[in-house]
Amino acid sequence: MSDTATAERVLSEATTIAVVGLSRDAAKSAHSVPAAMQSAGFRVIPVHPSADVLLGERVYHSLGDVPEPVDIVDVFRPSAEAAGVAREAAAIGAKALWLQQDIVSAEARTVAAEAGMDYVEDQCIAVVRAVAGITR
């Protein structure tokens, strides 16, 4: 688990969050959490392999397709996929990699460190935002 101070700093410095695995199902946390971040004023960029529009935003099929700078890549995919997402995040120059609650990956942590990205794992971005009172 990452420390709270790092998580709060990463979030306080961010405005744009690319969400890998943003769900079409509004009942899932992979939809409601990004929606909460969007409601708090963050720019949320959905990344999903087959959707076209989520949360009223154009969906990109991969991180490499996102045409603007990304502060945080927020991951809602299984731990086994986290290292691959970390490599994609490094390739686009993301500032931070954030693995949602219950997602942990030593390999993703190593990839992030080697790329100079901040790293948060096993924490819900919306909970950290709410507790710290961070909005845009």
Protein backbone atom coordinates (compact mmCIF):
# COMPACT_ATOMS: atom_id res chain seq x y z
CA MET A 1 0.00 0.00 0.00
CA SER A 2 1.25 3.46 -0.86
CA ASP A 3 1.51 6.19 1.73
CA THR A 4 -1.29 8.72 2.05
CA ALA A 5 1.01 11.74 1.79
CA THR A 6 2.24 10.64 -1.65
CA ALA A 7 -1.31 9.94 -2.82
CA GLU A 8 -2.53 13.35 -1.66
CA ARG A 9 0.43 15.14 -3.27
CA VAL A 10 -0.05 13.35 -6.59
CA LEU A 11 -3.73 14.21 -6.62
CA SER A 12 -3.24 17.81 -5.51
CA GLU A 13 -0.83 18.39 -8.43
CA ALA A 14 -3.09 16.78 -11.07
CA THR A 15 -5.84 18.06 -13.32
CA THR A 16 -6.06 15.36 -16.02
CA ILE A 17 -6.73 11.70 -15.25
CA ALA A 18 -6.79 8.99 -17.91
CA VAL A 19 -8.82 6.06 -16.58
CA VAL A 20 -7.86 2.67 -17.99
CA GLY A 21 -10.76 0.28 -17.59
CA LEU A 22 -13.51 2.85 -17.07
CA SER A 23 -16.68 0.73 -17.07
CA ARG A 24 -19.90 1.24 -19.03
CA ASP A 25 -21.82 -0.10 -16.01
CA ALA A 26 -22.78 2.79 -13.71
CA ALA A 27 -23.17 0.35 -10.80
CA LYS A 28 -19.46 -0.55 -10.85
CA SER A 29 -16.78 1.41 -9.02
CA ALA A 30 -14.85 1.57 -12.32
CA HIS A 31 -17.63 3.95 -13.45
CA SER A 32 -18.77 5.70 -10.28
CA VAL A 33 -15.26 6.58 -9.05
CA PRO A 34 -14.23 8.34 -12.30
CA ALA A 35 -17.65 10.05 -12.36
CA ALA A 36 -16.99 11.37 -8.85
CA MET A 37 -13.58 12.66 -9.92
CA GLN A 38 -15.16 14.37 -12.90
CA SER A 39 -17.80 15.94 -10.62
CA ALA A 40 -14.97 17.27 -8.42
CA GLY A 41 -13.61 19.15 -11.44
CA PHE A 42 -10.92 16.82 -12.75
CA ARG A 43 -10.61 16.19 -16.48
CA VAL A 44 -11.34 12.49 -16.91
CA ILE A 45 -10.26 10.77 -20.11
CA PRO A 46 -11.84 7.33 -20.54
CA VAL A 47 -9.66 4.53 -21.94
CA HIS A 48 -11.67 1.49 -23.01
CA PRO A 49 -11.08 -0.92 -25.92
CA SER A 50 -14.57 -0.80 -27.42
CA ALA A 51 -16.66 2.11 -26.05
CA ASP A 52 -17.08 5.41 -27.92
CA VAL A 53 -18.39 7.79 -25.25
CA LEU A 54 -18.34 7.42 -21.46
CA LEU A 55 -19.14 10.10 -18.87
CA GLY A 56 -19.90 12.40 -21.80
CA GLU A 57 -16.27 12.19 -22.97
CA ARG A 58 -14.72 10.70 -26.08
CA VAL A 59 -13.19 7.32 -25.29
CA TYR A 60 -9.70 6.40 -26.44
CA HIS A 61 -8.98 2.75 -27.13
CA SER A 62 -5.47 2.90 -25.68
CA LEU A 63 -3.32 5.34 -23.71
CA GLY A 64 -1.22 5.87 -26.81
CA ASP A 65 -4.28 7.31 -28.58
CA VAL A 66 -4.80 10.08 -25.99
CA PRO A 67 -3.79 13.35 -27.74
CA GLU A 68 -3.13 15.46 -24.64
CA PRO A 69 -0.82 15.37 -21.61
CA VAL A 70 -1.93 13.11 -18.76
CA ASP A 71 -1.12 13.76 -15.12
CA ILE A 72 -2.40 10.47 -13.65
CA VAL A 73 -3.13 7.14 -15.28
CA ASP A 74 -5.75 5.56 -13.00
CA VAL A 75 -5.99 1.79 -13.39
CA PHE A 76 -9.19 -0.24 -13.01
CA ARG A 77 -7.77 -3.47 -14.42
CA PRO A 78 -6.59 -6.67 -12.71
CA SER A 79 -3.19 -6.61 -11.00
CA ALA A 80 -1.81 -8.95 -13.68
CA GLU A 81 -2.38 -6.23 -16.30
CA ALA A 82 -0.92 -3.35 -14.27
CA ALA A 83 2.67 -3.67 -15.52
CA GLY A 84 1.54 -3.43 -19.14
CA VAL A 85 -0.50 -0.34 -18.33
CA ALA A 86 2.51 1.08 -16.49
CA ARG A 87 4.62 0.68 -19.63
CA GLU A 88 1.96 2.46 -21.70
CA ALA A 89 1.76 5.24 -19.09
CA ALA A 90 5.54 5.66 -19.22
CA ALA A 91 5.45 5.77 -23.02
CA ILE A 92 3.01 8.72 -23.01
CA GLY A 93 4.94 10.58 -20.34
CA ALA A 94 2.29 10.39 -17.60
CA LYS A 95 3.40 11.95 -14.33
CA ALA A 96 1.86 9.28 -12.09
CA LEU A 97 0.45 5.77 -12.10
CA TRP A 98 -2.41 5.06 -9.68
CA LEU A 99 -3.63 1.50 -9.08
CA GLN A 100 -7.08 1.45 -7.53
CA GLN A 101 -7.98 -0.26 -4.27
CA ASP A 102 -7.06 -3.97 -4.20
CA ILE A 103 -4.75 -3.62 -7.21
CA VAL A 104 -1.08 -4.25 -6.39
CA SER A 105 1.86 -4.93 -8.71
CA ALA A 106 5.55 -4.99 -7.85
CA GLU A 107 6.37 -4.99 -11.55
CA ALA A 108 4.20 -1.91 -12.20
CA ARG A 109 5.94 -0.18 -9.27
CA THR A 110 9.34 -0.94 -10.84
CA VAL A 111 8.26 0.28 -14.28
CA ALA A 112 6.91 3.50 -12.75
CA ALA A 113 10.08 4.09 -10.74
CA GLU A 114 12.30 3.51 -13.78
CA ALA A 115 10.19 5.99 -15.78
CA GLY A 116 10.29 8.62 -13.01
CA MET A 117 6.55 8.43 -12.41
CA ASP A 118 4.96 8.82 -9.00
CA TYR A 119 3.26 5.60 -7.94
CA VAL A 120 0.19 4.90 -5.82
CA GLU A 121 -1.32 1.46 -5.35
CA ASP A 122 -4.19 -0.12 -3.45
CA GLN A 123 -5.95 3.19 -2.80
CA CYS A 124 -9.21 4.59 -4.13
CA ILE A 125 -8.56 7.90 -5.85
CA ALA A 126 -12.05 9.20 -4.98
CA VAL A 127 -11.62 8.38 -1.28
CA VAL A 128 -8.25 10.13 -1.15
CA ARG A 129 -9.78 13.12 -2.93
CA ALA A 130 -12.75 13.29 -0.57
CA VAL A 131 -10.76 12.86 2.63
CA ALA A 132 -8.19 15.46 1.57
CA GLY A 133 -10.86 17.82 0.19
CA ILE A 134 -9.10 18.20 -3.16
CA THR A 135 -11.15 19.74 -5.98
CA ARG A 136 -10.48 21.57 -9.21
